[in-house]
Amino acid sequence: SDELLNLVDDNIDVLDEESLLHAAALVNDVDKMIELYKKAVDKYGSDRAQFNLGAAYLLKDQVANAEKAFNKVQTKDEELNNALGVVAMRKGDFDTAEKLFKKGGATGKTNQGVVDILNGDYDKAVQDLADARGCCHNKVLAYILTDQLEKAESSAKCQDAKVQYLRAIIAARKGDASGVAKYLKLAGKDPSLAERAAKDIEFAGFDI
């Protein structure tokens, strides 16, 4: 990987599209990633390069640039509908996001669950997120918001700091002081979550 990244810096023009896209995916600097995807778009003009450029812009929260990049993708598939749905959601256009997510297959349904939460429709969020796989912070949140604590707890499967924070909320609602302390300590590895916990009414009355 390091050799590939060095090659990118030394002589980007010798890379074929696959190597260029792979190199872009390896870099930690999103600005560098955008630069490489732009190079791939200019050199090869493929939908794949164009889509990845849009996704990289989303990482920087450059929503307008992301939308422009996605709109140039020729293949109108579920993946593109989901990406454009995320753009619409970031712009606060939940109606458009919902229409796009309906065309986005299983991933679209999961994304729709996020829109449901933002719209305050927690029961629908539970339905849309029920089959979500992997470490789904929003699925756990939806169960908490509908006071289904057992399902929330069983859905909290990963060690992500945000999920640990939700575990702490579940513990607080169950009156489990040791659980609150345990999970907030884990969540506190993210300084922003430690700061939030200090102000969160969920933990009022607990020694945190």
C-alpha atoms as a PDB file:
ATOM      1  CA  SER A   1       0.000   0.000   0.000  1.00  0.00           C
ATOM      2  CA  ASP A   2       2.785   2.435   0.900  1.00  0.00           C
ATOM      3  CA  GLU A   3       4.531   1.666  -2.372  1.00  0.00           C
ATOM      4  CA  LEU A   4       1.338   2.401  -4.279  1.00  0.00           C
ATOM      5  CA  LEU A   5       0.845   5.712  -2.473  1.00  0.00           C
ATOM      6  CA  ASN A   6       4.456   6.676  -3.167  1.00  0.00           C
ATOM      7  CA  LEU A   7       3.906   5.836  -6.814  1.00  0.00           C
ATOM      8  CA  VAL A   8       0.865   8.121  -6.835  1.00  0.00           C
ATOM      9  CA  ASP A   9       2.982  11.022  -5.616  1.00  0.00           C
ATOM     10  CA  ASP A  10       5.960  10.199  -7.838  1.00  0.00           C
ATOM     11  CA  ASN A  11       4.185   9.655 -11.122  1.00  0.00           C
ATOM     12  CA  ILE A  12       0.413   9.580 -11.074  1.00  0.00           C
ATOM     13  CA  ASP A  13       0.158   9.229 -14.849  1.00  0.00           C
ATOM     14  CA  VAL A  14       1.479   5.659 -14.909  1.00  0.00           C
ATOM     15  CA  LEU A  15      -1.445   4.301 -12.868  1.00  0.00           C
ATOM     16  CA  ASP A  16      -4.346   2.558 -14.558  1.00  0.00           C
ATOM     17  CA  GLU A  17      -7.860   3.356 -13.305  1.00  0.00           C
ATOM     18  CA  GLU A  18      -8.053   0.434 -10.884  1.00  0.00           C
ATOM     19  CA  SER A  19      -4.769   1.404  -9.220  1.00  0.00           C
ATOM     20  CA  LEU A  20      -5.751   5.063  -9.069  1.00  0.00           C
ATOM     21  CA  LEU A  21      -9.105   4.322  -7.433  1.00  0.00           C
ATOM     22  CA  HIS A  22      -7.459   1.880  -5.035  1.00  0.00           C
ATOM     23  CA  ALA A  23      -4.863   4.473  -4.073  1.00  0.00           C
ATOM     24  CA  ALA A  24      -7.582   7.067  -3.437  1.00  0.00           C
ATOM     25  CA  ALA A  25      -9.413   4.650  -1.143  1.00  0.00           C
ATOM     26  CA  LEU A  26      -6.223   4.120   0.901  1.00  0.00           C
ATOM     27  CA  VAL A  27      -5.432   7.720   1.765  1.00  0.00           C
ATOM     28  CA  ASN A  28      -6.519   9.174   5.102  1.00  0.00           C
ATOM     29  CA  ASP A  29      -6.548  12.784   3.887  1.00  0.00           C
ATOM     30  CA  VAL A  30      -9.951  13.445   2.287  1.00  0.00           C
ATOM     31  CA  ASP A  31      -8.589  16.406   0.291  1.00  0.00           C
ATOM     32  CA  LYS A  32      -5.966  14.079  -1.225  1.00  0.00           C
ATOM     33  CA  MET A  33      -8.692  11.528  -1.874  1.00  0.00           C
ATOM     34  CA  ILE A  34     -10.772  14.125  -3.744  1.00  0.00           C
ATOM     35  CA  GLU A  35      -7.700  15.114  -5.772  1.00  0.00           C
ATOM     36  CA  LEU A  36      -7.117  11.503  -6.831  1.00  0.00           C
ATOM     37  CA  TYR A  37     -10.743  10.867  -7.706  1.00  0.00           C
ATOM     38  CA  LYS A  38     -10.782  14.070  -9.783  1.00  0.00           C
ATOM     39  CA  LYS A  39      -7.712  12.763 -11.599  1.00  0.00           C
ATOM     40  CA  ALA A  40      -9.482   9.466 -12.239  1.00  0.00           C
ATOM     41  CA  VAL A  41     -12.568  11.279 -13.541  1.00  0.00           C
ATOM     42  CA  ASP A  42     -10.469  13.489 -15.848  1.00  0.00           C
ATOM     43  CA  LYS A  43      -8.420  10.580 -17.136  1.00  0.00           C
ATOM     44  CA  TYR A  44     -11.004   7.799 -17.413  1.00  0.00           C
ATOM     45  CA  GLY A  45     -14.436   9.427 -17.011  1.00  0.00           C
ATOM     46  CA  SER A  46     -16.044   6.293 -15.584  1.00  0.00           C
ATOM     47  CA  ASP A  47     -19.212   6.240 -13.485  1.00  0.00           C
ATOM     48  CA  ARG A  48     -17.262   4.523 -10.724  1.00  0.00           C
ATOM     49  CA  ALA A  49     -14.725   7.335 -10.471  1.00  0.00           C
ATOM     50  CA  GLN A  50     -17.489   9.946 -10.674  1.00  0.00           C
ATOM     51  CA  PHE A  51     -19.521   8.252  -7.920  1.00  0.00           C
ATOM     52  CA  ASN A  52     -16.496   7.916  -5.631  1.00  0.00           C
ATOM     53  CA  LEU A  53     -15.735  11.607  -6.126  1.00  0.00           C
ATOM     54  CA  GLY A  54     -19.251  12.450  -4.959  1.00  0.00           C
ATOM     55  CA  ALA A  55     -18.884  10.192  -1.930  1.00  0.00           C
ATOM     56  CA  ALA A  56     -15.570  11.865  -1.035  1.00  0.00           C
ATOM     57  CA  TYR A  57     -17.216  15.288  -1.216  1.00  0.00           C
ATOM     58  CA  LEU A  58     -19.869  14.047   1.220  1.00  0.00           C
ATOM     59  CA  LEU A  59     -17.091  13.094   3.647  1.00  0.00           C
ATOM     60  CA  LYS A  60     -16.077  16.778   3.604  1.00  0.00           C
ATOM     61  CA  ASP A  61     -19.747  17.809   3.882  1.00  0.00           C
ATOM     62  CA  GLN A  62     -19.413  19.620   0.549  1.00  0.00           C
ATOM     63  CA  VAL A  63     -22.999  18.808  -0.372  1.00  0.00           C
ATOM     64  CA  ALA A  64     -23.258  20.995  -3.503  1.00  0.00           C
ATOM     65  CA  ASN A  65     -20.083  19.505  -4.992  1.00  0.00           C
ATOM     66  CA  ALA A  66     -21.272  16.001  -4.106  1.00  0.00           C
ATOM     67  CA  GLU A  67     -24.599  16.596  -5.849  1.00  0.00           C
ATOM     68  CA  LYS A  68     -22.852  17.869  -8.985  1.00  0.00           C
ATOM     69  CA  ALA A  69     -20.622  14.802  -9.053  1.00  0.00           C
ATOM     70  CA  PHE A  70     -23.511  12.355  -8.526  1.00  0.00           C
ATOM     71  CA  ASN A  71     -25.612  14.054 -11.198  1.00  0.00           C
ATOM     72  CA  LYS A  72     -22.909  13.250 -13.758  1.00  0.00           C
ATOM     73  CA  VAL A  73     -23.130   9.502 -13.048  1.00  0.00           C
ATOM     74  CA  GLN A  74     -24.835   7.842 -16.019  1.00  0.00           C
ATOM     75  CA  THR A  75     -25.855   4.558 -14.378  1.00  0.00           C
ATOM     76  CA  LYS A  76     -29.049   5.242 -12.425  1.00  0.00           C
ATOM     77  CA  ASP A  77     -29.030   2.380  -9.925  1.00  0.00           C
ATOM     78  CA  GLU A  78     -29.949   1.815  -6.266  1.00  0.00           C
ATOM     79  CA  GLU A  79     -26.531   2.994  -5.127  1.00  0.00           C
ATOM     80  CA  LEU A  80     -26.939   6.320  -6.913  1.00  0.00           C
ATOM     81  CA  ASN A  81     -30.483   6.784  -5.595  1.00  0.00           C
ATOM     82  CA  ASN A  82     -29.171   6.284  -2.059  1.00  0.00           C
ATOM     83  CA  ALA A  83     -26.342   8.755  -2.602  1.00  0.00           C
ATOM     84  CA  LEU A  84     -28.705  11.401  -3.978  1.00  0.00           C
ATOM     85  CA  GLY A  85     -31.065  10.650  -1.089  1.00  0.00           C
ATOM     86  CA  VAL A  86     -28.267  11.391   1.377  1.00  0.00           C
ATOM     87  CA  VAL A  87     -27.615  14.677  -0.471  1.00  0.00           C
ATOM     88  CA  ALA A  88     -31.305  15.595  -0.205  1.00  0.00           C
ATOM     89  CA  MET A  89     -31.323  14.688   3.495  1.00  0.00           C
ATOM     90  CA  ARG A  90     -28.231  16.836   4.150  1.00  0.00           C
ATOM     91  CA  LYS A  91     -30.073  19.714   2.428  1.00  0.00           C
ATOM     92  CA  GLY A  92     -33.094  19.182   4.690  1.00  0.00           C
ATOM     93  CA  ASP A  93     -35.324  18.049   1.807  1.00  0.00           C
ATOM     94  CA  PHE A  94     -36.759  14.983   3.504  1.00  0.00           C
ATOM     95  CA  ASP A  95     -39.572  14.491   0.961  1.00  0.00           C
ATOM     96  CA  THR A  96     -37.101  14.098  -1.901  1.00  0.00           C
ATOM     97  CA  ALA A  97     -34.840  11.939   0.275  1.00  0.00           C
ATOM     98  CA  GLU A  98     -37.737   9.606   1.046  1.00  0.00           C
ATOM     99  CA  LYS A  99     -38.636   9.217  -2.653  1.00  0.00           C
ATOM    100  CA  LEU A 100     -35.027   8.408  -3.515  1.00  0.00           C
ATOM    101  CA  PHE A 101     -34.559   5.978  -0.631  1.00  0.00           C
ATOM    102  CA  LYS A 102     -37.663   4.070  -1.773  1.00  0.00           C
ATOM    103  CA  LYS A 103     -35.686   3.309  -4.947  1.00  0.00           C
ATOM    104  CA  GLY A 104     -32.584   2.384  -2.964  1.00  0.00           C
ATOM    105  CA  GLY A 105     -33.271  -1.219  -1.961  1.00  0.00           C
ATOM    106  CA  ALA A 106     -32.246  -2.487   1.490  1.00  0.00           C
ATOM    107  CA  THR A 107     -29.755   0.335   2.046  1.00  0.00           C
ATOM    108  CA  GLY A 108     -32.427   2.841   1.075  1.00  0.00           C
ATOM    109  CA  LYS A 109     -34.775   1.432   3.696  1.00  0.00           C
ATOM    110  CA  THR A 110     -32.078   1.801   6.346  1.00  0.00           C
ATOM    111  CA  ASN A 111     -31.441   5.381   5.257  1.00  0.00           C
ATOM    112  CA  GLN A 112     -35.186   6.042   5.353  1.00  0.00           C
ATOM    113  CA  GLY A 113     -35.072   5.079   9.019  1.00  0.00           C
ATOM    114  CA  VAL A 114     -32.791   8.059   9.630  1.00  0.00           C
ATOM    115  CA  VAL A 115     -35.311  10.355   7.900  1.00  0.00           C
ATOM    116  CA  ASP A 116     -38.071   8.858  10.075  1.00  0.00           C
ATOM    117  CA  ILE A 117     -36.097   9.727  13.221  1.00  0.00           C
ATOM    118  CA  LEU A 118     -35.476  13.277  11.986  1.00  0.00           C
ATOM    119  CA  ASN A 119     -39.200  13.590  11.234  1.00  0.00           C
ATOM    120  CA  GLY A 120     -40.085  12.352  14.722  1.00  0.00           C
ATOM    121  CA  ASP A 121     -41.830   9.233  13.359  1.00  0.00           C
ATOM    122  CA  TYR A 122     -40.132   6.786  15.705  1.00  0.00           C
ATOM    123  CA  ASP A 123     -42.524   3.860  15.178  1.00  0.00           C
ATOM    124  CA  LYS A 124     -41.901   3.967  11.427  1.00  0.00           C
ATOM    125  CA  ALA A 125     -38.167   4.262  12.098  1.00  0.00           C
ATOM    126  CA  VAL A 126     -38.287   0.999  14.030  1.00  0.00           C
ATOM    127  CA  GLN A 127     -40.004  -0.705  11.079  1.00  0.00           C
ATOM    128  CA  ASP A 128     -37.570   0.682   8.506  1.00  0.00           C
ATOM    129  CA  LEU A 129     -34.501  -0.142  10.596  1.00  0.00           C
ATOM    130  CA  ALA A 130     -35.636  -3.571  11.821  1.00  0.00           C
ATOM    131  CA  ASP A 131     -33.599  -5.468   9.205  1.00  0.00           C
ATOM    132  CA  ALA A 132     -30.579  -3.152   9.261  1.00  0.00           C
ATOM    133  CA  ARG A 133     -27.361  -5.128   9.520  1.00  0.00           C
ATOM    134  CA  GLY A 134     -24.030  -4.393  11.104  1.00  0.00           C
ATOM    135  CA  CYS A 135     -23.369  -1.792  13.754  1.00  0.00           C
ATOM    136  CA  CYS A 136     -26.517   0.274  13.444  1.00  0.00           C
ATOM    137  CA  HIS A 137     -26.475   3.203  15.849  1.00  0.00           C
ATOM    138  CA  ASN A 138     -29.778   4.458  14.435  1.00  0.00           C
ATOM    139  CA  LYS A 139     -31.527   1.127  14.980  1.00  0.00           C
ATOM    140  CA  VAL A 140     -30.563   1.185  18.664  1.00  0.00           C
ATOM    141  CA  LEU A 141     -31.669   4.812  18.897  1.00  0.00           C
ATOM    142  CA  ALA A 142     -35.060   4.040  17.324  1.00  0.00           C
ATOM    143  CA  TYR A 143     -35.706   1.304  19.875  1.00  0.00           C
ATOM    144  CA  ILE A 144     -34.760   3.649  22.727  1.00  0.00           C
ATOM    145  CA  LEU A 145     -37.043   6.366  21.337  1.00  0.00           C
ATOM    146  CA  THR A 146     -39.944   3.886  21.314  1.00  0.00           C
ATOM    147  CA  ASP A 147     -39.029   2.657  24.820  1.00  0.00           C
ATOM    148  CA  GLN A 148     -38.149  -0.866  23.654  1.00  0.00           C
ATOM    149  CA  LEU A 149     -35.102  -1.149  25.854  1.00  0.00           C
ATOM    150  CA  GLU A 150     -34.574  -4.914  25.560  1.00  0.00           C
ATOM    151  CA  LYS A 151     -34.537  -4.728  21.763  1.00  0.00           C
ATOM    152  CA  ALA A 152     -32.280  -1.672  21.941  1.00  0.00           C
ATOM    153  CA  GLU A 153     -29.848  -3.567  24.152  1.00  0.00           C
ATOM    154  CA  SER A 154     -29.800  -6.667  21.930  1.00  0.00           C
ATOM    155  CA  SER A 155     -29.250  -4.499  18.837  1.00  0.00           C
ATOM    156  CA  ALA A 156     -26.243  -2.711  20.360  1.00  0.00           C
ATOM    157  CA  LYS A 157     -23.663  -5.170  19.070  1.00  0.00           C
ATOM    158  CA  CYS A 158     -20.583  -3.119  18.237  1.00  0.00           C
ATOM    159  CA  GLN A 159     -18.054  -1.221  20.346  1.00  0.00           C
ATOM    160  CA  ASP A 160     -18.436   2.115  18.564  1.00  0.00           C
ATOM    161  CA  ALA A 161     -18.346   5.089  20.994  1.00  0.00           C
ATOM    162  CA  LYS A 162     -21.803   6.305  19.928  1.00  0.00           C
ATOM    163  CA  VAL A 163     -23.293   2.887  20.599  1.00  0.00           C
ATOM    164  CA  GLN A 164     -21.576   2.795  23.999  1.00  0.00           C
ATOM    165  CA  TYR A 165     -23.259   6.129  24.730  1.00  0.00           C
ATOM    166  CA  LEU A 166     -26.625   4.624  23.819  1.00  0.00           C
ATOM    167  CA  ARG A 167     -25.835   1.644  26.059  1.00  0.00           C
ATOM    168  CA  ALA A 168     -25.321   4.159  28.871  1.00  0.00           C
ATOM    169  CA  ILE A 169     -28.751   5.688  28.176  1.00  0.00           C
ATOM    170  CA  ILE A 170     -30.326   2.220  28.257  1.00  0.00           C
ATOM    171  CA  ALA A 171     -28.607   1.553  31.593  1.00  0.00           C
ATOM    172  CA  ALA A 172     -29.816   4.918  32.943  1.00  0.00           C
ATOM    173  CA  ARG A 173     -33.406   4.162  31.974  1.00  0.00           C
ATOM    174  CA  LYS A 174     -33.110   0.821  33.758  1.00  0.00           C
ATOM    175  CA  GLY A 175     -31.669   2.488  36.868  1.00  0.00           C
ATOM    176  CA  ASP A 176     -28.364   0.641  36.447  1.00  0.00           C
ATOM    177  CA  ALA A 177     -25.805   3.064  37.907  1.00  0.00           C
ATOM    178  CA  SER A 178     -22.802   0.770  37.369  1.00  0.00           C
ATOM    179  CA  GLY A 179     -23.826   0.285  33.728  1.00  0.00           C
ATOM    180  CA  VAL A 180     -24.060   4.045  33.236  1.00  0.00           C
ATOM    181  CA  ALA A 181     -20.543   4.512  34.638  1.00  0.00           C
ATOM    182  CA  LYS A 182     -19.121   1.612  32.605  1.00  0.00           C
ATOM    183  CA  TYR A 183     -20.554   2.643  29.243  1.00  0.00           C
ATOM    184  CA  LEU A 184     -19.952   6.371  29.654  1.00  0.00           C
ATOM    185  CA  LYS A 185     -16.308   5.617  30.380  1.00  0.00           C
ATOM    186  CA  LEU A 186     -16.107   3.741  27.065  1.00  0.00           C
ATOM    187  CA  ALA A 187     -18.069   6.399  25.191  1.00  0.00           C
ATOM    188  CA  GLY A 188     -15.887   9.114  26.733  1.00  0.00           C
ATOM    189  CA  LYS A 189     -13.007   8.087  24.471  1.00  0.00           C
ATOM    190  CA  ASP A 190     -14.787  10.475  22.102  1.00  0.00           C
ATOM    191  CA  PRO A 191     -14.344  13.908  23.795  1.00  0.00           C
ATOM    192  CA  SER A 192     -17.526  15.276  22.210  1.00  0.00           C
ATOM    193  CA  LEU A 193     -19.562  12.485  23.800  1.00  0.00           C
ATOM    194  CA  ALA A 194     -17.938  13.044  27.197  1.00  0.00           C
ATOM    195  CA  GLU A 195     -18.945  16.696  26.938  1.00  0.00           C
ATOM    196  CA  ARG A 196     -22.487  15.776  25.908  1.00  0.00           C
ATOM    197  CA  ALA A 197     -22.878  13.332  28.807  1.00  0.00           C
ATOM    198  CA  ALA A 198     -22.160  16.085  31.321  1.00  0.00           C
ATOM    199  CA  LYS A 199     -25.213  17.990  30.055  1.00  0.00           C
ATOM    200  CA  ASP A 200     -27.506  15.093  29.174  1.00  0.00           C
ATOM    201  CA  ILE A 201     -30.693  14.956  31.264  1.00  0.00           C
ATOM    202  CA  GLU A 202     -30.697  11.170  30.783  1.00  0.00           C
ATOM    203  CA  PHE A 203     -27.917  10.990  33.367  1.00  0.00           C
ATOM    204  CA  ALA A 204     -29.366  13.393  35.921  1.00  0.00           C
ATOM    205  CA  GLY A 205     -29.045  11.830  39.355  1.00  0.00           C
ATOM    206  CA  PHE A 206     -26.166   9.556  38.345  1.00  0.00           C
ATOM    207  CA  ASP A 207     -22.601  10.127  39.526  1.00  0.00           C
ATOM    208  CA  ILE A 208     -20.772  10.639  36.228  1.00  0.00           C
END
